[in-house]
Amino acid sequence: MTHYHLDDLSSINADTQKPARFAVIGNPVAHSLSPQLHQPALDALELNVRYIRVEVPEGRVAEAFEKMHEVGIQGINVTVPHKLEALDACDEVGKGARLMGAVNTIVFEGEKKVGFNTDGPGFVRAIREDFGLDLGDLRIVIIGAGGGAGRAIATQCCLEDCPQLTLANRTVEKLTSMQTLLDPLLHGEKLEGPGDRLSIHALDDPALQEAIANSELIINTTSVGLKQSDPSPLPSHWIEPHHLVYDTIYNPSCTRLLRDSQAQGARIANGISLLLHQGALSLEYWTNRDAPIDAMRQGLAEAIRA
């Protein structure tokens, strides 16, 4: 079975010597690569358990958590469109997840549901792996910052105290509330107005080109690039050799943005490292053990090649 439904949960651990203990929920969820990421890790840790997909309709996340806990599920990953609903269904939420406005990892502590967001911290690990640098040392531009991934990464940049953060979005109105939320993280709680370390721009704002020129890391969190025929979200001549360019898209592995950036002499990386490290952090929350990164990396690579 590629995935289960809520009505299947009562029987998932009925006649099996390898019980389901971890899961991902989403709608749809059949396409999720989480099992290919986590099952090799659980096997490498010699835990005789399964990781499964469960399709959950919108509006039934709290019910799903209760049912999954009842049948012995110990940890859950949450994917679209449930990250906000999952936050509301938790008994406790970590600081990062609260600021990001989304939960992607659930840990059951007794009867208590505790929510975390591993996207931001996973991105810190991804940048360190791909570029050998710390996120907090870089001047950063996030393209498409109004979406869920953009908000998570923007929040993490502020938590890491990066020296300069520029948020860009097609509609700048989506960024004003984020600016109000994130400014105090960079400037302290006594800030009386917008500070100079965090700026927001529409994608067609001429000032964005200068902000990019003055940055070191450019991050695409839009969906532009998912199709091979998609253009780049930025004019190629805005990219310079000193730039690091990260596209959160991982399939295709080299988007038009990354191809253009590489041609301009910039260093590039795609979202496979984020997928890997956010998953590894989830596993560490569940098991209190270091994640077997090599096993997870191999599982992902095989899944993407398939």
Foldseek 3Di string as FASTA:
>chain_A
DLAAELVCLVCQQPDDPAEAAEEEEEVVWSPDLLQLQPVLQCVVVVNSHGYGYYYYDPPCPLVSVVSNVVSRHFKYFYDPPCFQVVVVSFPEEDPLCVLLNGFGMWGDDPPGTYTYFLLQVLVQVLCCVQPVDGLQAWAEEEEQLLDSSNSSNVQSSLQSLHQAYEYEYQDQVSCPVSQVSRQCSNVNPPDPDRDDRYYYYYLPDPCVLVSLLPTAEYEYPDCQFLDQPGADSDDLVSAALSHEYEYLDPVVPAGNNNVSNVVRNHHYGYNPSSVLRSSQVSVCVRPVDGGPSVSSSVSVVVVSVD
